Amino acid sequence: MTVKAVIKSEGLSKYYGKGGEIRAVDGLDLEVYEGETFGLLGPNGSGKTTTVRLLNGIIKPTGGIATVNGFDIFIQENEVKRITGLLAESPGLYDKLSGYEFLEFMGALYDVPEEILKERIDELLKLFGLHDRRDHLIEGYSSGMKQKLLIAAALIHDPPILFLDEPTSTLDPRASHMVKELIEELADTAGKTIFMCSHLLPVVEELCDRIGIINNGRLIAVGTVKEIMAQTGTQSLEDAFIALTGGVIENELLAWRENGIASS
């Protein structure tokens, strides 16, 4: 059985500066397959968020080509946005709206028919455990509740492809665990293709079928965790990451692990 690649890029690049000396993404060749959870892993500033923004048609590439579900990100960015859901790294929320009103607003932006929208909002609020707080202002939501609401907003138009940029990095261990369970459920029961970015190795290792490691804008490894460990001759993803990026474990990663241990 042939597996369909729903995200494809060849030589995808984004340069900044007068002479293009800042290479945020540099010659990205990548395929992500239908129904898989793919994780893009890298240090802060490695090009993860720029990659997501490129693939969602938010910014224009400097060079290369890419398609998302067959749509060209250069010339069909509106079509791309209609078949993808995006949880941005630094999303905005309207704190003076209720959870229901926010989802209603997001559904209107995607032209979800009114007769479908109300039912879908109810379904998502129940799925994410927010139905009892549907009429409460978002300003009173916890960090975990806000993150779940943002994921619900990314799903409001029922896209086949979901992009999640650092979905757990700002959350405490309890809320992080909650969001990870939701991502697993979306992949296992809803059949979504999920493209997730993170600099937290344990999150990516736990959730993703395959991973890519990006550093200084260049994709330096792609495969399963076992394949990448075999490629680097290491015994853990952490050691493989260090071997490939030539860096040390980041403070954020260590803090995440310590918090996880403290809460267990």
Protein backbone atom coordinates (compact mmCIF):
# COMPACT_ATOMS: atom_id res chain seq x y z
CA MET A 1 0.00 0.00 0.00
CA THR A 2 1.42 3.38 -1.05
CA VAL A 3 1.55 6.02 1.68
CA LYS A 4 0.59 9.48 0.49
CA ALA A 5 2.91 12.40 1.25
CA VAL A 6 0.63 15.30 2.20
CA ILE A 7 3.45 17.76 2.95
CA LYS A 8 6.32 17.95 0.46
CA SER A 9 9.13 20.44 0.12
CA GLU A 10 12.19 20.64 -2.11
CA GLY A 11 14.90 23.20 -1.45
CA LEU A 12 12.50 25.30 0.62
CA SER A 13 14.37 28.34 1.93
CA LYS A 14 13.79 31.60 3.74
CA TYR A 15 16.60 34.16 3.94
CA TYR A 16 16.66 37.53 5.67
CA GLY A 17 19.00 40.50 5.45
CA LYS A 18 20.07 42.59 2.47
CA GLY A 19 22.32 39.89 1.13
CA GLY A 20 20.33 36.95 2.46
CA GLU A 21 23.01 36.29 5.05
CA ILE A 22 20.49 35.16 7.68
CA ARG A 23 19.29 31.73 6.59
CA ALA A 24 16.28 30.91 8.75
CA VAL A 25 15.44 27.88 6.60
CA ASP A 26 18.04 26.63 4.14
CA GLY A 27 17.21 24.09 1.43
CA LEU A 28 14.57 22.04 3.27
CA ASP A 29 13.74 18.70 1.58
CA LEU A 30 10.97 16.94 3.50
CA GLU A 31 8.00 14.61 3.15
CA VAL A 32 5.32 14.10 5.81
CA TYR A 33 2.88 11.25 5.26
CA GLU A 34 -0.87 11.13 5.64
CA GLY A 35 -2.01 10.13 9.13
CA GLU A 36 1.38 10.34 10.82
CA THR A 37 2.52 12.51 13.69
CA PHE A 38 5.75 14.16 12.59
CA GLY A 39 7.96 16.10 14.97
CA LEU A 40 10.41 18.81 13.95
CA LEU A 41 13.00 19.04 16.68
CA GLY A 42 15.72 21.63 17.14
CA PRO A 43 17.29 24.21 19.42
CA ASN A 44 15.69 27.62 19.84
CA GLY A 45 16.26 29.68 16.71
CA SER A 46 16.94 26.65 14.53
CA GLY A 47 14.18 27.37 11.99
CA LYS A 48 11.23 25.37 13.31
CA THR A 49 8.72 28.23 13.54
CA THR A 50 9.83 29.68 10.20
CA THR A 51 9.22 26.26 8.61
CA VAL A 52 5.69 26.15 10.01
CA ARG A 53 4.97 29.69 8.85
CA LEU A 54 6.23 28.85 5.35
CA LEU A 55 4.18 25.66 5.09
CA ASN A 56 1.04 27.52 6.20
CA GLY A 57 1.42 30.27 3.62
CA ILE A 58 1.94 32.94 6.27
CA ILE A 59 5.30 34.07 4.87
CA LYS A 60 6.68 33.71 1.35
CA PRO A 61 9.73 31.51 0.70
CA THR A 62 12.93 32.92 -0.73
CA GLY A 63 13.34 29.80 -2.84
CA GLY A 64 12.40 26.19 -3.34
CA ILE A 65 8.96 24.62 -3.69
CA ALA A 66 6.42 23.06 -1.33
CA THR A 67 2.91 21.66 -1.41
CA VAL A 68 0.47 20.92 1.38
CA ASN A 69 -2.22 18.39 0.46
CA GLY A 70 -1.41 19.15 -3.17
CA PHE A 71 -1.72 22.94 -2.88
CA ASP A 72 1.25 25.13 -3.80
CA ILE A 73 2.27 27.37 -0.88
CA PHE A 74 3.46 30.06 -3.32
CA ILE A 75 0.26 30.61 -5.26
CA GLN A 76 -2.48 28.76 -3.35
CA GLU A 77 -1.89 30.00 0.20
CA ASN A 78 -5.62 30.55 0.84
CA GLU A 79 -6.38 26.95 -0.10
CA VAL A 80 -3.51 25.81 2.14
CA LYS A 81 -4.93 27.73 5.10
CA ARG A 82 -8.35 26.16 4.59
CA ILE A 83 -7.04 22.59 4.89
CA THR A 84 -4.66 23.20 7.79
CA GLY A 85 -5.15 24.06 11.43
CA LEU A 86 -2.44 26.05 13.20
CA LEU A 87 -1.51 26.39 16.85
CA ALA A 88 1.12 29.13 16.71
CA GLU A 89 4.01 29.40 19.18
CA SER A 90 2.75 32.76 20.49
CA PRO A 91 -0.98 32.74 19.74
CA GLY A 92 -3.38 35.52 20.56
CA LEU A 93 -6.56 35.14 22.56
CA TYR A 94 -9.40 37.58 23.09
CA ASP A 95 -9.65 37.49 26.86
CA LYS A 96 -12.97 39.37 26.99
CA LEU A 97 -14.71 36.70 24.90
CA SER A 98 -16.10 33.50 26.34
CA GLY A 99 -14.71 30.20 25.15
CA TYR A 100 -17.83 29.65 23.04
CA GLU A 101 -17.65 33.14 21.51
CA PHE A 102 -13.99 32.68 20.60
CA LEU A 103 -14.69 29.42 18.75
CA GLU A 104 -17.70 31.03 17.09
CA PHE A 105 -15.46 33.87 15.88
CA MET A 106 -12.80 31.46 14.59
CA GLY A 107 -15.43 29.39 12.79
CA ALA A 108 -16.74 32.50 11.05
CA LEU A 109 -13.23 33.33 9.84
CA TYR A 110 -13.10 29.93 8.13
CA ASP A 111 -16.63 30.30 6.71
CA VAL A 112 -17.94 27.28 8.58
CA PRO A 113 -21.70 27.17 7.85
CA GLU A 114 -23.76 28.35 10.82
CA GLU A 115 -25.84 25.18 10.99
CA ILE A 116 -22.63 23.13 11.31
CA LEU A 117 -20.69 25.54 13.51
CA LYS A 118 -22.85 25.39 16.64
CA GLU A 119 -22.77 21.59 16.70
CA ARG A 120 -19.04 21.51 16.08
CA ILE A 121 -18.34 24.02 18.87
CA ASP A 122 -20.32 21.88 21.31
CA GLU A 123 -18.44 18.75 20.20
CA LEU A 124 -15.04 20.39 20.59
CA LEU A 125 -15.86 21.92 23.98
CA LYS A 126 -16.93 18.48 25.21
CA LEU A 127 -13.88 16.77 23.68
CA PHE A 128 -11.52 19.19 25.42
CA GLY A 129 -13.38 19.19 28.74
CA LEU A 130 -14.39 22.85 28.46
CA HIS A 131 -18.14 22.57 28.02
CA ASP A 132 -18.91 23.58 31.61
CA ARG A 133 -16.83 26.74 31.11
CA ARG A 134 -18.17 27.60 27.67
CA ASP A 135 -19.75 30.89 28.80
CA HIS A 136 -16.88 31.96 31.08
CA LEU A 137 -14.49 34.68 29.92
CA ILE A 138 -11.17 33.37 28.62
CA GLU A 139 -9.31 35.67 31.02
CA GLY A 140 -10.39 33.31 33.81
CA TYR A 141 -9.06 30.18 32.09
CA SER A 142 -5.93 28.41 33.30
CA SER A 143 -2.92 28.01 30.95
CA GLY A 144 -3.93 24.44 30.20
CA MET A 145 -7.51 25.44 29.42
CA LYS A 146 -6.33 28.23 27.11
CA GLN A 147 -4.05 25.83 25.26
CA LYS A 148 -6.90 23.35 24.82
CA LEU A 149 -9.15 26.14 23.54
CA LEU A 150 -6.49 27.15 21.00
CA ILE A 151 -6.20 23.56 19.77
CA ALA A 152 -10.00 23.44 19.50
CA ALA A 153 -9.85 26.66 17.44
CA ALA A 154 -7.29 25.05 15.13
CA LEU A 155 -9.78 22.20 14.57
CA ILE A 156 -12.93 24.29 14.14
CA HIS A 157 -12.98 23.87 10.34
CA ASP A 158 -12.09 20.15 10.59
CA PRO A 159 -8.75 20.37 8.73
CA PRO A 160 -6.99 17.14 7.72
CA ILE A 161 -3.58 18.58 8.68
CA LEU A 162 -2.73 20.14 12.03
CA PHE A 163 0.39 22.21 12.79
CA LEU A 164 1.34 22.55 16.45
CA ASP A 165 4.24 24.88 17.25
CA GLU A 166 5.62 24.25 20.76
CA PRO A 167 2.27 22.98 22.09
CA THR A 168 3.53 22.25 25.63
CA SER A 169 6.51 24.56 26.18
CA THR A 170 4.70 27.16 28.33
CA LEU A 171 2.70 24.68 30.40
CA ASP A 172 3.29 23.17 33.80
CA PRO A 173 3.78 19.36 33.90
CA ARG A 174 0.11 18.63 34.65
CA ALA A 175 -1.23 20.78 31.81
CA SER A 176 1.52 19.49 29.50
CA HIS A 177 0.43 15.91 30.16
CA MET A 178 -3.17 16.87 29.43
CA VAL A 179 -2.27 18.41 26.05
CA LYS A 180 -0.10 15.43 25.11
CA GLU A 181 -3.04 13.09 25.73
CA LEU A 182 -5.21 15.27 23.49
CA ILE A 183 -2.64 15.16 20.68
CA GLU A 184 -2.49 11.37 20.93
CA GLU A 185 -6.27 11.18 20.75
CA LEU A 186 -6.39 13.40 17.67
CA ALA A 187 -3.86 11.19 15.91
CA ASP A 188 -5.33 7.85 16.99
CA THR A 189 -9.09 8.45 16.76
CA ALA A 190 -9.50 11.43 14.39
CA GLY A 191 -6.88 10.34 11.86
CA LYS A 192 -5.29 13.77 11.59
CA THR A 193 -1.86 14.35 10.10
CA ILE A 194 0.02 16.26 12.80
CA PHE A 195 3.16 18.34 12.24
CA MET A 196 4.57 19.31 15.61
CA CYS A 197 7.54 21.53 16.46
CA SER A 198 9.37 21.38 19.76
CA HIS A 199 12.75 21.79 21.40
CA LEU A 200 11.67 19.36 24.15
CA LEU A 201 13.05 15.94 23.30
CA PRO A 202 10.83 13.83 25.60
CA VAL A 203 7.63 15.33 24.14
CA VAL A 204 8.64 14.60 20.56
CA GLU A 205 9.92 11.11 21.40
CA GLU A 206 6.68 10.21 23.15
CA LEU A 207 4.24 11.50 20.53
CA CYS A 208 5.84 11.26 17.09
CA ASP A 209 6.00 8.45 14.55
CA ARG A 210 8.98 10.09 12.85
CA ILE A 211 11.10 13.11 13.62
CA GLY A 212 13.33 15.56 11.81
CA ILE A 213 16.16 17.46 13.45
CA ILE A 214 16.83 20.98 12.20
CA ASN A 215 19.81 23.13 13.15
CA ASN A 216 20.82 26.54 11.80
CA GLY A 217 18.04 26.30 9.24
CA ARG A 218 19.15 22.97 7.77
CA LEU A 219 17.45 19.60 8.17
CA ILE A 220 20.23 17.29 9.35
CA ALA A 221 18.36 14.06 10.14
CA VAL A 222 14.98 12.45 9.44
CA GLY A 223 13.58 9.10 10.59
CA THR A 224 12.24 7.20 13.55
CA VAL A 225 13.96 7.67 16.90
CA LYS A 226 15.61 4.25 16.50
CA GLU A 227 16.84 5.13 13.01
CA ILE A 228 18.38 8.40 14.18
CA MET A 229 20.05 6.71 17.15
CA ALA A 230 21.44 4.05 14.80
CA GLN A 231 22.67 6.75 12.41
CA THR A 232 24.56 8.48 15.22
CA GLY A 233 25.63 5.35 17.11
CA THR A 234 23.97 6.59 20.30
CA GLN A 235 21.72 5.01 22.92
CA SER A 236 19.19 7.81 23.40
CA LEU A 237 17.55 10.59 21.43
CA GLU A 238 19.17 13.06 23.77
CA ASP A 239 22.65 11.79 22.88
CA ALA A 240 21.75 11.70 19.18
CA PHE A 241 20.51 15.29 19.35
CA ILE A 242 23.77 16.45 20.93
CA ALA A 243 25.84 14.48 18.42
CA LEU A 244 23.99 16.00 15.47
CA THR A 245 23.69 19.59 16.65
CA GLY A 246 27.06 19.78 18.37
CA GLY A 247 25.45 21.55 21.30
CA VAL A 248 24.65 20.95 24.92
CA ILE A 249 21.28 20.22 26.43
CA GLU A 250 19.35 23.44 26.73
CA ASN A 251 18.27 24.90 30.04
CA GLU A 252 14.63 24.65 28.98
CA LEU A 253 14.95 20.93 28.36
CA LEU A 254 16.62 20.33 31.71
CA ALA A 255 14.00 22.41 33.50
CA TRP A 256 11.21 20.46 31.79
CA ARG A 257 12.71 17.15 32.89
CA GLU A 258 13.25 18.33 36.46
CA ASN A 259 9.68 19.60 36.68
CA GLY A 260 8.40 16.30 35.33
CA ILE A 261 10.39 14.35 37.92
CA ALA A 262 9.26 16.64 40.73
CA SER A 263 5.61 16.19 39.81
CA SER A 264 5.74 12.40 39.49
